[in-house]
Protein backbone atom coordinates (compact mmCIF):
# COMPACT_ATOMS: atom_id res chain seq x y z
CA MET A 1 11.44 19.50 -17.58
CA LYS A 2 14.13 18.60 -19.44
CA HIS A 3 17.97 18.42 -18.05
CA ARG A 4 18.66 22.07 -19.52
CA ARG A 5 15.75 23.62 -18.52
CA ILE A 6 16.19 25.34 -15.15
CA SER A 7 16.36 28.71 -14.38
CA LYS A 8 17.75 30.89 -14.49
CA LYS A 9 14.07 44.40 -2.82
CA ARG A 10 16.81 47.44 -3.52
CA ALA A 11 18.51 50.22 -6.92
CA ALA A 12 20.15 53.12 -9.04
CA MET A 13 19.99 53.87 -12.66
CA ALA A 14 21.29 51.71 -15.36
CA THR A 15 23.69 53.22 -17.81
CA GLY A 16 22.99 53.27 -21.34
CA ALA A 17 22.68 55.21 -24.55
CA VAL A 18 19.08 55.55 -23.66
CA VAL A 19 19.56 57.42 -20.50
CA ALA A 20 19.92 61.10 -20.26
CA LEU A 21 20.78 63.04 -17.36
CA ILE A 22 18.47 65.54 -15.97
CA GLY A 23 20.12 66.38 -12.90
CA ALA A 24 23.54 68.24 -12.06
CA GLY A 25 26.82 66.05 -11.71
CA VAL A 26 27.06 63.86 -8.54
CA THR A 27 29.23 64.76 -5.60
CA PHE A 28 30.55 63.13 -2.54
CA GLN A 29 33.07 63.22 -0.20
CA THR A 30 36.33 61.30 -0.50
CA ALA A 31 38.01 59.09 2.28
CA ASN A 32 40.18 60.86 4.58
CA ALA A 33 44.14 60.88 3.51
CA SER A 34 44.98 59.09 6.50
CA GLU A 35 42.71 55.84 4.70
CA GLU A 36 45.98 55.69 2.32
CA SER A 37 48.24 56.01 4.74
CA ALA A 38 46.83 53.43 7.64
CA LYS A 39 48.71 50.22 7.30
CA VAL A 40 45.80 47.68 6.63
CA THR A 41 45.30 45.25 3.98
CA VAL A 42 42.32 45.59 2.03
CA LYS A 43 41.57 42.24 1.34
CA VAL A 44 41.06 40.50 -2.37
CA LEU A 45 37.66 39.34 -2.51
CA ASP A 46 34.98 38.00 -5.16
CA ALA A 47 31.65 39.29 -5.20
CA THR A 48 29.69 36.97 -3.22
CA ALA A 49 32.33 37.35 -0.42
CA ALA A 50 32.30 41.23 -0.69
CA GLY A 51 28.72 40.68 -0.06
CA ASN A 52 28.95 38.66 2.91
CA LEU A 53 31.31 40.72 4.58
CA ALA A 54 29.09 44.01 3.84
CA SER A 55 25.92 42.47 5.79
CA THR A 56 28.56 41.54 8.77
CA LEU A 57 29.70 45.03 8.91
CA SER A 58 26.38 46.43 8.39
CA GLN A 59 25.18 44.63 11.28
CA ASP A 60 28.50 45.35 13.15
CA LEU A 61 28.35 49.26 12.32
CA GLY A 62 24.21 50.25 12.54
CA GLY A 63 23.37 53.66 11.59
CA ASP A 64 27.47 54.39 11.17
CA THR A 65 27.39 52.69 7.64
CA ALA A 66 25.77 54.42 4.50
CA GLY A 67 26.32 51.44 2.42
CA ALA A 68 28.51 49.69 0.59
CA TYR A 69 29.93 48.60 -3.09
CA TYR A 70 31.92 45.99 -4.74
CA ASP A 71 34.89 47.76 -6.58
CA ALA A 72 35.17 45.21 -9.40
CA LYS A 73 38.93 46.32 -10.79
CA ALA A 74 40.13 46.24 -6.90
CA LYS A 75 38.21 43.18 -5.72
CA ALA A 76 37.52 44.90 -2.75
CA LEU A 77 34.54 46.03 -0.62
CA VAL A 78 33.92 49.95 -0.25
CA VAL A 79 31.74 50.93 2.70
CA ASN A 80 30.69 54.20 2.96
CA VAL A 81 30.78 55.33 6.59
CA VAL A 82 29.96 58.52 8.58
CA ASP A 83 32.98 58.82 10.83
CA GLU A 84 36.63 58.29 11.91
CA ASP A 85 35.68 55.20 13.88
CA ALA A 86 33.64 53.34 11.86
CA ALA A 87 36.08 53.98 8.92
CA ARG A 88 38.86 52.06 11.20
CA THR A 89 36.22 49.34 11.61
CA VAL A 90 35.85 48.82 8.26
CA ARG A 91 39.69 48.63 7.43
CA GLU A 92 40.14 46.12 10.44
CA ALA A 93 37.97 43.96 8.82
CA GLY A 94 39.39 44.06 5.65
CA GLY A 95 37.55 46.34 3.46
CA LYS A 96 38.09 50.21 2.35
CA ALA A 97 36.57 52.86 4.13
CA ARG A 98 34.88 56.06 2.75
CA ILE A 99 33.95 58.78 4.52
CA VAL A 100 30.74 60.41 2.74
CA GLN A 101 28.23 63.03 3.37
CA ASN A 102 24.49 61.59 3.55
CA THR A 103 23.98 58.82 6.40
CA LEU A 104 21.78 55.65 5.80
CA ALA A 105 19.42 57.24 7.96
CA GLU A 106 19.23 60.76 5.77
CA LEU A 107 18.64 58.56 2.60
CA THR A 108 15.71 56.75 3.87
CA SER A 109 14.20 59.78 4.77
CA ALA A 110 14.65 60.50 1.60
CA ARG A 111 12.90 57.81 0.39
CA GLN A 112 10.30 58.82 2.38
CA THR A 113 9.64 61.82 1.21
CA LEU A 114 9.38 60.88 -2.14
CA THR A 115 6.88 58.27 -0.98
CA ASP A 116 4.65 60.48 0.42
CA ARG A 117 5.00 63.71 -2.20
CA ALA A 118 6.03 61.64 -5.57
CA THR A 119 4.61 58.37 -6.18
CA ILE A 120 3.59 58.82 -9.97
CA PRO A 121 3.63 56.02 -12.53
CA GLY A 122 6.75 55.43 -14.33
CA THR A 123 8.92 56.35 -11.80
CA SER A 124 11.69 54.61 -9.51
CA TRP A 125 14.07 55.57 -6.93
CA ALA A 126 16.96 53.60 -5.53
CA THR A 127 20.13 53.65 -3.08
CA ASP A 128 23.68 54.06 -5.13
CA PRO A 129 26.48 54.30 -2.48
CA VAL A 130 28.20 55.05 -5.08
CA THR A 131 27.03 58.75 -5.42
CA ASN A 132 25.88 58.09 -2.12
CA LYS A 133 22.68 59.85 -3.09
CA LEU A 134 19.22 58.44 -3.93
CA ILE A 135 18.99 58.08 -7.58
CA VAL A 136 15.05 58.92 -9.20
CA THR A 137 14.58 58.01 -12.50
CA ALA A 138 11.40 59.09 -14.76
CA ASP A 139 10.46 57.26 -17.61
CA ARG A 140 9.16 58.28 -21.11
CA THR A 141 5.47 58.62 -19.83
CA VAL A 142 6.17 61.23 -17.28
CA LYS A 143 5.47 64.46 -18.48
CA GLY A 144 4.51 68.12 -18.04
CA ALA A 145 2.42 68.64 -14.34
CA GLN A 146 4.17 65.15 -13.15
CA LEU A 147 7.85 65.76 -14.09
CA ALA A 148 7.62 69.49 -13.09
CA LYS A 149 6.16 67.76 -9.72
CA LEU A 150 8.69 65.14 -9.40
CA GLN A 151 11.55 68.10 -10.22
CA GLY A 152 10.55 70.06 -7.48
CA VAL A 153 10.43 67.13 -4.97
CA VAL A 154 14.18 65.86 -5.94
CA GLU A 155 15.66 69.70 -5.85
CA GLY A 156 14.03 70.01 -2.86
CA LEU A 157 15.82 66.98 -1.57
CA GLY A 158 19.43 68.67 -2.59
CA GLU A 159 22.45 66.25 -2.33
CA LYS A 160 20.39 63.60 -1.37
CA ALA A 161 18.91 62.88 -4.60
CA GLU A 162 19.86 62.88 -8.64
CA LEU A 163 17.01 62.70 -11.11
CA ARG A 164 17.21 61.59 -14.32
CA LYS A 165 15.13 60.22 -17.43
CA SER A 166 14.81 57.04 -19.16
CA ALA A 167 13.95 56.58 -22.96
CA GLY A 168 11.71 53.70 -22.30
CA GLU A 169 8.93 52.83 -19.91
CA PHE A 170 8.46 50.90 -16.83
CA LYS A 171 6.64 47.75 -17.28
CA PRO A 172 6.50 44.31 -15.65
CA PHE A 173 7.91 42.00 -18.82
CA ILE A 174 4.90 39.99 -18.60
CA ALA A 175 4.77 37.11 -21.11
CA GLY A 176 9.79 35.31 -20.02
CA GLY A 177 15.73 30.19 -18.02
CA ASP A 178 13.38 28.18 -20.00
CA ALA A 179 9.77 29.02 -20.97
CA ILE A 180 6.77 27.98 -18.57
CA HIS A 181 3.09 28.48 -19.92
CA SER A 182 -0.29 29.42 -17.94
CA GLY A 183 -3.50 30.58 -19.61
CA GLY A 184 -1.92 31.34 -22.87
CA GLY A 185 0.59 33.66 -21.01
CA ARG A 186 4.62 33.06 -20.71
CA CYS A 187 7.07 33.68 -18.49
CA SER A 188 10.49 32.05 -17.11
CA LEU A 189 11.66 29.55 -14.54
CA GLY A 190 13.54 31.48 -12.19
CA PHE A 191 15.02 28.41 -9.92
CA ASN A 192 14.51 24.81 -8.53
CA VAL A 193 14.07 25.20 -4.93
CA VAL A 194 12.98 22.27 -2.27
CA LYS A 195 9.89 23.32 0.49
CA GLY A 196 9.33 20.49 2.93
CA GLY A 197 11.40 17.78 0.93
CA GLU A 198 9.24 18.52 -2.28
CA PRO A 199 10.10 19.87 -5.65
CA HIS A 200 9.25 23.52 -6.12
CA PHE A 201 10.38 26.32 -8.36
CA ILE A 202 10.46 30.00 -8.05
CA THR A 203 9.01 32.77 -10.78
CA ALA A 204 7.76 35.93 -10.75
CA GLY A 205 4.55 37.11 -8.86
CA HIS A 206 2.79 39.01 -11.50
CA CYS A 207 3.44 35.90 -13.73
CA GLY A 208 0.46 34.65 -12.37
CA ASP A 209 -2.44 33.96 -9.28
CA ALA A 210 -2.17 31.03 -6.89
CA GLY A 211 -4.02 27.66 -8.18
CA SER A 212 -2.68 28.63 -11.73
CA LYS A 213 -1.42 25.36 -13.98
CA TRP A 214 2.05 25.97 -15.28
CA ALA A 215 3.40 23.97 -18.62
CA GLU A 216 6.88 23.75 -20.55
CA SER A 217 4.65 24.75 -23.74
CA GLY A 218 1.78 26.54 -24.88
CA GLY A 219 -1.21 23.83 -24.94
CA GLY A 220 1.29 21.39 -23.28
CA PRO A 221 1.30 18.95 -20.33
CA GLU A 222 1.39 20.60 -17.04
CA ILE A 223 4.22 20.11 -14.80
CA GLY A 224 3.18 22.28 -11.84
CA THR A 225 0.53 24.09 -9.56
CA MET A 226 0.88 27.94 -8.81
CA VAL A 227 0.70 27.74 -4.80
CA ASP A 228 1.22 31.05 -3.83
CA SER A 229 2.19 34.32 -5.59
CA GLN A 230 2.70 37.55 -4.33
CA PHE A 231 2.23 40.72 -6.43
CA PRO A 232 2.52 43.89 -5.82
CA GLU A 233 4.83 45.37 -3.22
CA ASN A 234 6.92 41.97 -3.65
CA ASP A 235 7.12 39.84 -7.05
CA PHE A 236 7.97 36.32 -6.25
CA ALA A 237 5.71 33.07 -6.53
CA LEU A 238 6.46 29.54 -5.50
CA VAL A 239 5.02 26.48 -8.05
CA LYS A 240 4.88 22.66 -6.60
CA TYR A 241 5.85 20.52 -9.42
CA ASP A 242 3.33 17.59 -10.51
CA GLY A 243 4.51 14.29 -11.38
CA ASP A 244 8.20 13.25 -12.30
CA THR A 245 9.32 16.46 -13.63
CA GLU A 246 13.54 16.52 -13.78
CA HIS A 247 14.11 19.52 -11.75
CA PRO A 248 18.12 19.85 -11.39
CA SER A 249 19.41 22.93 -10.04
CA ALA A 250 20.80 24.55 -12.67
CA VAL A 251 20.23 27.68 -15.53
CA ASN A 252 20.05 27.25 -19.06
CA LEU A 253 23.11 28.85 -20.54
CA TYR A 254 21.35 28.27 -24.42
CA ASP A 255 24.59 27.71 -25.75
CA GLY A 256 24.00 23.63 -24.91
CA GLY A 257 25.45 23.85 -21.40
CA SER A 258 24.12 24.56 -17.83
CA GLN A 259 25.39 27.02 -14.55
CA ASP A 260 25.04 24.81 -11.69
CA ILE A 261 23.26 26.79 -8.73
CA THR A 262 24.21 25.63 -5.62
CA LYS A 263 23.25 28.59 -2.97
CA ALA A 264 21.38 31.86 -3.06
CA GLY A 265 23.26 35.25 -1.94
CA GLU A 266 22.96 38.95 -1.71
CA ALA A 267 23.17 41.29 -4.48
CA THR A 268 26.36 43.95 -3.77
CA VAL A 269 26.37 46.95 -6.28
CA GLY A 270 29.31 46.23 -8.79
CA MET A 271 28.93 42.32 -8.67
CA GLN A 272 28.83 40.99 -12.01
CA VAL A 273 25.70 39.00 -13.02
CA THR A 274 24.09 37.44 -15.74
CA ARG A 275 20.34 36.98 -16.56
CA SER A 276 18.46 33.96 -18.27
CA GLY A 277 15.36 34.15 -19.91
CA SER A 278 13.32 32.31 -22.47
CA THR A 279 12.74 35.47 -24.83
CA THR A 280 16.47 37.05 -25.00
CA GLN A 281 18.16 34.23 -23.23
CA VAL A 282 21.34 35.13 -22.09
CA HIS A 283 22.89 38.69 -21.06
CA ASP A 284 25.49 39.89 -18.47
CA GLY A 285 26.03 42.97 -16.95
CA GLU A 286 26.38 44.67 -13.26
CA VAL A 287 24.10 45.52 -10.11
CA THR A 288 23.90 49.37 -10.04
CA GLY A 289 21.48 49.67 -7.09
CA LEU A 290 19.51 48.27 -4.49
CA ASP A 291 16.19 48.59 -2.55
CA ALA A 292 14.93 49.92 -5.60
CA THR A 293 10.90 51.19 -5.43
CA VAL A 294 9.38 51.08 -8.93
CA ASN A 295 5.95 52.19 -10.07
CA TYR A 296 4.67 50.21 -12.71
CA GLY A 297 1.41 52.25 -12.77
CA ASN A 298 -2.23 51.09 -11.97
CA GLY A 299 -1.56 50.56 -8.40
CA GLN A 300 1.50 48.14 -9.50
CA ILE A 301 4.44 49.36 -6.82
CA VAL A 302 7.09 47.01 -5.79
CA ASN A 303 9.89 47.93 -3.87
CA GLY A 304 13.02 46.57 -2.21
CA LEU A 305 14.28 45.17 -6.05
CA ILE A 306 17.84 45.02 -7.47
CA GLN A 307 18.59 47.31 -9.73
CA THR A 308 20.80 46.31 -12.79
CA ASN A 309 21.99 47.24 -16.34
CA VAL A 310 21.68 43.82 -17.77
CA CYS A 311 18.69 44.00 -20.53
CA ALA A 312 15.94 41.98 -20.72
CA GLU A 313 12.36 41.81 -22.48
CA PRO A 314 8.65 40.39 -22.46
CA GLY A 315 9.08 36.82 -22.01
CA ASP A 316 11.82 37.23 -20.09
CA SER A 317 10.07 37.48 -16.51
CA GLY A 318 10.62 35.16 -13.54
CA GLY A 319 13.62 34.31 -15.07
CA SER A 320 17.12 33.88 -13.20
CA LEU A 321 19.63 36.39 -12.38
CA PHE A 322 22.84 34.56 -10.87
CA SER A 323 26.54 35.26 -10.22
CA GLY A 324 28.44 32.04 -10.64
CA ASP A 325 26.85 29.02 -8.98
CA THR A 326 24.86 31.54 -6.76
CA ALA A 327 21.03 32.84 -7.16
CA ILE A 328 20.74 36.29 -6.81
CA GLY A 329 17.46 37.44 -8.07
CA LEU A 330 13.85 36.84 -10.45
CA THR A 331 13.38 39.45 -12.97
CA SER A 332 10.81 41.69 -12.40
CA GLY A 333 10.79 44.16 -15.33
CA GLY A 334 11.83 47.41 -16.59
CA SER A 335 12.21 49.16 -19.50
CA GLY A 336 14.43 49.80 -22.81
CA ASP A 337 15.40 46.29 -24.97
CA CYS A 338 18.11 44.23 -25.66
CA SER A 339 18.92 46.31 -28.64
CA SER A 340 18.83 49.61 -27.35
CA GLY A 341 19.73 48.48 -23.52
CA GLY A 342 17.67 50.31 -20.15
CA GLU A 343 17.12 49.48 -16.56
CA THR A 344 16.23 46.07 -15.38
CA PHE A 345 14.76 45.39 -11.67
CA PHE A 346 15.06 41.91 -10.18
CA GLN A 347 13.22 40.62 -7.12
CA PRO A 348 16.09 39.31 -4.32
CA VAL A 349 15.96 35.33 -4.28
CA THR A 350 16.57 35.21 -0.54
CA GLU A 351 13.14 37.27 0.39
CA ALA A 352 11.38 34.56 -1.59
CA LEU A 353 13.16 32.13 -0.22
CA GLU A 354 12.63 32.86 3.25
CA VAL A 355 8.87 34.02 2.66
CA PHE A 356 8.15 30.68 1.44
CA GLY A 357 10.43 28.65 3.98
CA ALA A 358 12.39 26.96 0.80
CA GLU A 359 15.77 26.41 -0.40
CA ILE A 360 17.91 26.26 -3.32
CA GLY A 361 17.79 22.78 -4.67
């Protein structure tokens, strides 16, 4: 593998001209006036540090938090809480507290209602901490009785959910950092990793099955064997390198350069991210939601995904989503393209590494 090769569940709705609102406008409670007068210092953080702080506060506050997001303009972490005591804890830690209407438990219950009553191909739902709601999206295939059913379930959830319509069609991006080929199909390599002291790489699970052979080009020499693949529910796979293929921990930027990858991290809503894939190469955007459930149809339902407004197309599957030198996700699927925009979903890298017992390297 060439040196420049390498690489490049939980969500909300991506913005763009192809998306139209069906539901009403969003409403939520703002922070108490005491937020402004409290004599505390909001820490200036980059997105990765904000994500780490969000994870710590989530553990400390438990049910008293309702999600968090990164305010890129202020470079601050905003944490949704349900009472003033929790707000005080957030401020003392250097975050900005916002008291909201819907608790995380209430949003989790709403997710279960959607799962029980509205499991319809072509739909997704994700937790959006900015609106303090579940954003439910129906693609263009959801019509007639199915759309009416979905609308009824969402309306029954009141202020906990909002329904939006996408002009695209949700599907896995089968076919897209550097290209990898197997049996006539093409995907993209995600990140190089190490497992048991030996070199491997991770990509999307829907790209192939365990035992499949992978090459750098169609009909070219094999470079690795897929040793594990998980799809649906998850969307990640592990390929073990054969032979002496070079495997630097970097992502192809398609401009003659590469981005070194030194670690894996969690996504945070508002985080600026970059995607690299073999079809559309490099595109930027931001994380718009977490814990997304996406129904690709044919029983292919994936949970716990990251949702973004970064475009992607068939062939980009498995490719890298990263923020600076931090690996964030693997391209799963979505709707739209890099001309009209759309929504794209990513498998969190941290989950794949944990399941496989691997590490970035």
